[in-house]
Amino acid sequence: MLLRTVDDAQQSAIIPTTVSAELMSRSIWATLHGLALLNLRQPHERFGLNEPPEDLAADALSALFGL
């Protein structure tokens, strides 16, 4: 489902096409998965990640997409 969504977004020029939809999908999944684990295990305080998870995810995806 994520791959299809990324591919559609790239085809519509919503997100960059600088990398394949497959690589972008894996990168999105890995980023969000990592943030979710940090949030669950609470070590985020040690790394200065004290923002709400939604804000961290938005910031990470913006950086990933180059926005």
PDB file of N, CA and C in Angstrom:
ATOM      1  N   MET A   1       0.823  -1.176   0.000  1.00  0.00           N
ATOM      2  CA  MET A   1       0.000   0.000   0.000  1.00  0.00           C
ATOM      3  C   MET A   1       0.879   1.257   0.000  1.00  0.00           C
ATOM      4  N   LEU A   2       1.935   1.262   0.818  1.00  0.00           N
ATOM      5  CA  LEU A   2       2.817   2.429   0.869  1.00  0.00           C
ATOM      6  C   LEU A   2       3.504   2.647  -0.474  1.00  0.00           C
ATOM      7  N   LEU A   3       3.992   1.565  -1.068  1.00  0.00           N
ATOM      8  CA  LEU A   3       4.660   1.677  -2.370  1.00  0.00           C
ATOM      9  C   LEU A   3       3.720   2.267  -3.415  1.00  0.00           C
ATOM     10  N   ARG A   4       2.506   1.819  -3.442  1.00  0.00           N
ATOM     11  CA  ARG A   4       1.526   2.322  -4.407  1.00  0.00           C
ATOM     12  C   ARG A   4       1.258   3.815  -4.169  1.00  0.00           C
ATOM     13  N   THR A   5       1.140   4.196  -2.906  1.00  0.00           N
ATOM     14  CA  THR A   5       0.891   5.589  -2.564  1.00  0.00           C
ATOM     15  C   THR A   5       2.064   6.477  -2.960  1.00  0.00           C
ATOM     16  N   VAL A   6       3.278   6.020  -2.682  1.00  0.00           N
ATOM     17  CA  VAL A   6       4.462   6.783  -3.057  1.00  0.00           C
ATOM     18  C   VAL A   6       4.564   6.887  -4.568  1.00  0.00           C
ATOM     19  N   ASP A   7       4.328   5.800  -5.262  1.00  0.00           N
ATOM     20  CA  ASP A   7       4.376   5.822  -6.722  1.00  0.00           C
ATOM     21  C   ASP A   7       3.349   6.810  -7.283  1.00  0.00           C
ATOM     22  N   ASP A   8       2.143   6.784  -6.770  1.00  0.00           N
ATOM     23  CA  ASP A   8       1.107   7.730  -7.210  1.00  0.00           C
ATOM     24  C   ASP A   8       1.518   9.170  -6.920  1.00  0.00           C
ATOM     25  N   ALA A   9       2.090   9.417  -5.751  1.00  0.00           N
ATOM     26  CA  ALA A   9       2.518  10.769  -5.384  1.00  0.00           C
ATOM     27  C   ALA A   9       3.664  11.243  -6.278  1.00  0.00           C
ATOM     28  N   GLN A  10       4.553  10.343  -6.636  1.00  0.00           N
ATOM     29  CA  GLN A  10       5.635  10.714  -7.549  1.00  0.00           C
ATOM     30  C   GLN A  10       5.088  10.994  -8.947  1.00  0.00           C
ATOM     31  N   GLN A  11       4.173  10.177  -9.406  1.00  0.00           N
ATOM     32  CA  GLN A  11       3.578  10.372 -10.734  1.00  0.00           C
ATOM     33  C   GLN A  11       2.826  11.703 -10.818  1.00  0.00           C
ATOM     34  N   SER A  12       2.264  12.134  -9.688  1.00  0.00           N
ATOM     35  CA  SER A  12       1.517  13.386  -9.635  1.00  0.00           C
ATOM     36  C   SER A  12       2.408  14.580  -9.283  1.00  0.00           C
ATOM     37  N   ALA A  13       3.696  14.348  -9.155  1.00  0.00           N
ATOM     38  CA  ALA A  13       4.680  15.387  -8.826  1.00  0.00           C
ATOM     39  C   ALA A  13       4.429  16.009  -7.458  1.00  0.00           C
ATOM     40  N   ILE A  14       3.854  15.222  -6.540  1.00  0.00           N
ATOM     41  CA  ILE A  14       3.638  15.690  -5.168  1.00  0.00           C
ATOM     42  C   ILE A  14       4.919  15.536  -4.359  1.00  0.00           C
ATOM     43  N   ILE A  15       5.644  14.451  -4.604  1.00  0.00           N
ATOM     44  CA  ILE A  15       6.930  14.232  -3.953  1.00  0.00           C
ATOM     45  C   ILE A  15       7.985  14.004  -5.032  1.00  0.00           C
ATOM     46  N   PRO A  16       9.256  14.228  -4.685  1.00  0.00           N
ATOM     47  CA  PRO A  16      10.322  14.123  -5.685  1.00  0.00           C
ATOM     48  C   PRO A  16      10.461  12.726  -6.285  1.00  0.00           C
ATOM     49  N   THR A  17      11.003  12.709  -7.471  1.00  0.00           N
ATOM     50  CA  THR A  17      11.271  11.446  -8.166  1.00  0.00           C
ATOM     51  C   THR A  17      12.766  11.188  -8.262  1.00  0.00           C
ATOM     52  N   THR A  18      13.537  11.797  -7.369  1.00  0.00           N
ATOM     53  CA  THR A  18      14.991  11.654  -7.414  1.00  0.00           C
ATOM     54  C   THR A  18      15.453  10.240  -7.069  1.00  0.00           C
ATOM     55  N   VAL A  19      14.623   9.492  -6.355  1.00  0.00           N
ATOM     56  CA  VAL A  19      14.899   8.083  -6.072  1.00  0.00           C
ATOM     57  C   VAL A  19      13.670   7.266  -6.457  1.00  0.00           C
ATOM     58  N   SER A  20      13.858   5.975  -6.591  1.00  0.00           N
ATOM     59  CA  SER A  20      12.749   5.110  -6.983  1.00  0.00           C
ATOM     60  C   SER A  20      11.664   5.096  -5.906  1.00  0.00           C
ATOM     61  N   ALA A  21      10.467   4.738  -6.317  1.00  0.00           N
ATOM     62  CA  ALA A  21       9.351   4.626  -5.371  1.00  0.00           C
ATOM     63  C   ALA A  21       9.657   3.563  -4.324  1.00  0.00           C
ATOM     64  N   GLU A  22      10.355   2.503  -4.737  1.00  0.00           N
ATOM     65  CA  GLU A  22      10.711   1.436  -3.801  1.00  0.00           C
ATOM     66  C   GLU A  22      11.641   1.957  -2.710  1.00  0.00           C
ATOM     67  N   LEU A  23      12.687   2.676  -3.098  1.00  0.00           N
ATOM     68  CA  LEU A  23      13.637   3.202  -2.118  1.00  0.00           C
ATOM     69  C   LEU A  23      12.963   4.253  -1.228  1.00  0.00           C
ATOM     70  N   MET A  24      12.143   5.099  -1.816  1.00  0.00           N
ATOM     71  CA  MET A  24      11.442   6.115  -1.028  1.00  0.00           C
ATOM     72  C   MET A  24      10.505   5.439  -0.027  1.00  0.00           C
ATOM     73  N   SER A  25       9.799   4.403  -0.437  1.00  0.00           N
ATOM     74  CA  SER A  25       8.883   3.690   0.459  1.00  0.00           C
ATOM     75  C   SER A  25       9.625   3.057   1.622  1.00  0.00           C
ATOM     76  N   ARG A  26      10.753   2.406   1.329  1.00  0.00           N
ATOM     77  CA  ARG A  26      11.557   1.802   2.400  1.00  0.00           C
ATOM     78  C   ARG A  26      12.087   2.860   3.357  1.00  0.00           C
ATOM     79  N   SER A  27      12.491   3.990   2.816  1.00  0.00           N
ATOM     80  CA  SER A  27      13.022   5.075   3.648  1.00  0.00           C
ATOM     81  C   SER A  27      11.944   5.664   4.546  1.00  0.00           C
ATOM     82  N   ILE A  28      10.753   5.843   4.008  1.00  0.00           N
ATOM     83  CA  ILE A  28       9.634   6.348   4.801  1.00  0.00           C
ATOM     84  C   ILE A  28       9.312   5.363   5.918  1.00  0.00           C
ATOM     85  N   TRP A  29       9.193   4.088   5.558  1.00  0.00           N
ATOM     86  CA  TRP A  29       8.862   3.079   6.561  1.00  0.00           C
ATOM     87  C   TRP A  29       9.922   3.030   7.656  1.00  0.00           C
ATOM     88  N   ALA A  30      11.200   2.999   7.274  1.00  0.00           N
ATOM     89  CA  ALA A  30      12.271   2.907   8.251  1.00  0.00           C
ATOM     90  C   ALA A  30      12.293   4.121   9.173  1.00  0.00           C
ATOM     91  N   THR A  31      12.071   5.299   8.622  1.00  0.00           N
ATOM     92  CA  THR A  31      12.068   6.524   9.421  1.00  0.00           C
ATOM     93  C   THR A  31      10.929   6.520  10.429  1.00  0.00           C
ATOM     94  N   LEU A  32       9.739   6.231   9.960  1.00  0.00           N
ATOM     95  CA  LEU A  32       8.584   6.247  10.860  1.00  0.00           C
ATOM     96  C   LEU A  32       8.647   5.115  11.882  1.00  0.00           C
ATOM     97  N   HIS A  33       9.152   3.967  11.463  1.00  0.00           N
ATOM     98  CA  HIS A  33       9.304   2.842  12.384  1.00  0.00           C
ATOM     99  C   HIS A  33      10.301   3.198  13.489  1.00  0.00           C
ATOM    100  N   GLY A  34      11.411   3.792  13.108  1.00  0.00           N
ATOM    101  CA  GLY A  34      12.401   4.203  14.092  1.00  0.00           C
ATOM    102  C   GLY A  34      11.853   5.215  15.078  1.00  0.00           C
ATOM    103  N   LEU A  35      11.112   6.203  14.583  1.00  0.00           N
ATOM    104  CA  LEU A  35      10.513   7.195  15.476  1.00  0.00           C
ATOM    105  C   LEU A  35       9.488   6.555  16.407  1.00  0.00           C
ATOM    106  N   ALA A  36       8.726   5.604  15.889  1.00  0.00           N
ATOM    107  CA  ALA A  36       7.732   4.923  16.728  1.00  0.00           C
ATOM    108  C   ALA A  36       8.406   4.143  17.852  1.00  0.00           C
ATOM    109  N   LEU A  37       9.491   3.453  17.532  1.00  0.00           N
ATOM    110  CA  LEU A  37      10.211   2.700  18.568  1.00  0.00           C
ATOM    111  C   LEU A  37      10.819   3.632  19.608  1.00  0.00           C
ATOM    112  N   LEU A  38      11.394   4.727  19.156  1.00  0.00           N
ATOM    113  CA  LEU A  38      11.932   5.693  20.115  1.00  0.00           C
ATOM    114  C   LEU A  38      10.838   6.213  21.039  1.00  0.00           C
ATOM    115  N   ASN A  39       9.683   6.479  20.478  1.00  0.00           N
ATOM    116  CA  ASN A  39       8.578   6.989  21.285  1.00  0.00           C
ATOM    117  C   ASN A  39       8.116   5.944  22.301  1.00  0.00           C
ATOM    118  N   LEU A  40       8.048   4.695  21.889  1.00  0.00           N
ATOM    119  CA  LEU A  40       7.609   3.632  22.792  1.00  0.00           C
ATOM    120  C   LEU A  40       8.604   3.363  23.914  1.00  0.00           C
ATOM    121  N   ARG A  41       9.872   3.452  23.604  1.00  0.00           N
ATOM    122  CA  ARG A  41      10.905   3.099  24.586  1.00  0.00           C
ATOM    123  C   ARG A  41      11.390   4.297  25.395  1.00  0.00           C
ATOM    124  N   GLN A  42      10.929   5.463  25.096  1.00  0.00           N
ATOM    125  CA  GLN A  42      11.216   6.692  25.835  1.00  0.00           C
ATOM    126  C   GLN A  42      12.668   7.161  25.855  1.00  0.00           C
ATOM    127  N   PRO A  43      13.573   6.669  25.014  1.00  0.00           N
ATOM    128  CA  PRO A  43      14.929   7.221  25.077  1.00  0.00           C
ATOM    129  C   PRO A  43      15.034   8.542  24.333  1.00  0.00           C
ATOM    130  N   HIS A  44      13.939   8.950  23.713  1.00  0.00           N
ATOM    131  CA  HIS A  44      13.959  10.178  22.918  1.00  0.00           C
ATOM    132  C   HIS A  44      14.388  11.382  23.743  1.00  0.00           C
ATOM    133  N   GLU A  45      14.175  11.329  25.041  1.00  0.00           N
ATOM    134  CA  GLU A  45      14.583  12.442  25.894  1.00  0.00           C
ATOM    135  C   GLU A  45      16.100  12.607  25.895  1.00  0.00           C
ATOM    136  N   ARG A  46      16.831  11.522  25.792  1.00  0.00           N
ATOM    137  CA  ARG A  46      18.296  11.594  25.766  1.00  0.00           C
ATOM    138  C   ARG A  46      18.812  12.209  24.478  1.00  0.00           C
ATOM    139  N   PHE A  47      18.043  12.106  23.414  1.00  0.00           N
ATOM    140  CA  PHE A  47      18.509  12.560  22.113  1.00  0.00           C
ATOM    141  C   PHE A  47      17.899  13.895  21.702  1.00  0.00           C
ATOM    142  N   GLY A  48      17.227  14.571  22.617  1.00  0.00           N
ATOM    143  CA  GLY A  48      16.645  15.865  22.303  1.00  0.00           C
ATOM    144  C   GLY A  48      15.445  15.780  21.376  1.00  0.00           C
ATOM    145  N   LEU A  49      14.758  14.669  21.417  1.00  0.00           N
ATOM    146  CA  LEU A  49      13.577  14.469  20.571  1.00  0.00           C
ATOM    147  C   LEU A  49      12.317  14.613  21.419  1.00  0.00           C
ATOM    148  N   ASN A  50      12.181  15.744  22.059  1.00  0.00           N
ATOM    149  CA  ASN A  50      11.078  15.938  23.004  1.00  0.00           C
ATOM    150  C   ASN A  50       9.802  16.459  22.364  1.00  0.00           C
ATOM    151  N   GLU A  51       9.797  16.666  21.068  1.00  0.00           N
ATOM    152  CA  GLU A  51       8.595  17.133  20.386  1.00  0.00           C
ATOM    153  C   GLU A  51       7.557  16.010  20.350  1.00  0.00           C
ATOM    154  N   PRO A  52       6.289  16.367  20.127  1.00  0.00           N
ATOM    155  CA  PRO A  52       5.275  15.324  19.948  1.00  0.00           C
ATOM    156  C   PRO A  52       5.642  14.428  18.755  1.00  0.00           C
ATOM    157  N   PRO A  53       5.312  13.150  18.815  1.00  0.00           N
ATOM    158  CA  PRO A  53       5.669  12.229  17.734  1.00  0.00           C
ATOM    159  C   PRO A  53       5.199  12.690  16.357  1.00  0.00           C
ATOM    160  N   GLU A  54       4.040  13.311  16.315  1.00  0.00           N
ATOM    161  CA  GLU A  54       3.507  13.774  15.029  1.00  0.00           C
ATOM    162  C   GLU A  54       4.408  14.838  14.427  1.00  0.00           C
ATOM    163  N   ASP A  55       4.935  15.737  15.272  1.00  0.00           N
ATOM    164  CA  ASP A  55       5.830  16.785  14.784  1.00  0.00           C
ATOM    165  C   ASP A  55       7.160  16.206  14.330  1.00  0.00           C
ATOM    166  N   LEU A  56       7.680  15.239  15.089  1.00  0.00           N
ATOM    167  CA  LEU A  56       8.926  14.582  14.686  1.00  0.00           C
ATOM    168  C   LEU A  56       8.760  13.883  13.338  1.00  0.00           C
ATOM    169  N   ALA A  57       7.640  13.210  13.154  1.00  0.00           N
ATOM    170  CA  ALA A  57       7.382  12.521  11.890  1.00  0.00           C
ATOM    171  C   ALA A  57       7.271  13.514  10.742  1.00  0.00           C
ATOM    172  N   ALA A  58       6.558  14.606  10.954  1.00  0.00           N
ATOM    173  CA  ALA A  58       6.406  15.624   9.899  1.00  0.00           C
ATOM    174  C   ALA A  58       7.758  16.224   9.541  1.00  0.00           C
ATOM    175  N   ASP A  59       8.574  16.526  10.541  1.00  0.00           N
ATOM    176  CA  ASP A  59       9.894  17.090  10.286  1.00  0.00           C
ATOM    177  C   ASP A  59      10.783  16.097   9.532  1.00  0.00           C
ATOM    178  N   ALA A  60      10.759  14.837   9.961  1.00  0.00           N
ATOM    179  CA  ALA A  60      11.592  13.815   9.321  1.00  0.00           C
ATOM    180  C   ALA A  60      11.177  13.598   7.874  1.00  0.00           C
ATOM    181  N   LEU A  61       9.870  13.539   7.621  1.00  0.00           N
ATOM    182  CA  LEU A  61       9.415  13.326   6.245  1.00  0.00           C
ATOM    183  C   LEU A  61       9.686  14.543   5.383  1.00  0.00           C
ATOM    184  N   SER A  62       9.576  15.738   5.935  1.00  0.00           N
ATOM    185  CA  SER A  62       9.920  16.939   5.175  1.00  0.00           C
ATOM    186  C   SER A  62      11.387  16.919   4.776  1.00  0.00           C
ATOM    187  N   ALA A  63      12.239  16.512   5.709  1.00  0.00           N
ATOM    188  CA  ALA A  63      13.664  16.414   5.391  1.00  0.00           C
ATOM    189  C   ALA A  63      13.920  15.337   4.352  1.00  0.00           C
ATOM    190  N   LEU A  64      13.237  14.232   4.464  1.00  0.00           N
ATOM    191  CA  LEU A  64      13.394  13.125   3.522  1.00  0.00           C
ATOM    192  C   LEU A  64      12.995  13.539   2.112  1.00  0.00           C
ATOM    193  N   PHE A  65      11.916  14.308   2.017  1.00  0.00           N
ATOM    194  CA  PHE A  65      11.429  14.743   0.707  1.00  0.00           C
ATOM    195  C   PHE A  65      12.121  16.003   0.203  1.00  0.00           C
ATOM    196  N   GLY A  66      12.968  16.604   1.048  1.00  0.00           N
ATOM    197  CA  GLY A  66      13.645  17.827   0.645  1.00  0.00           C
ATOM    198  C   GLY A  66      12.741  19.032   0.609  1.00  0.00           C
ATOM    199  N   LEU A  67      11.740  19.051   1.481  1.00  0.00           N
ATOM    200  CA  LEU A  67      10.789  20.173   1.511  1.00  0.00           C
ATOM    201  C   LEU A  67      11.160  21.181   2.570  1.00  0.00           C
TER     202      LEU A  67
END
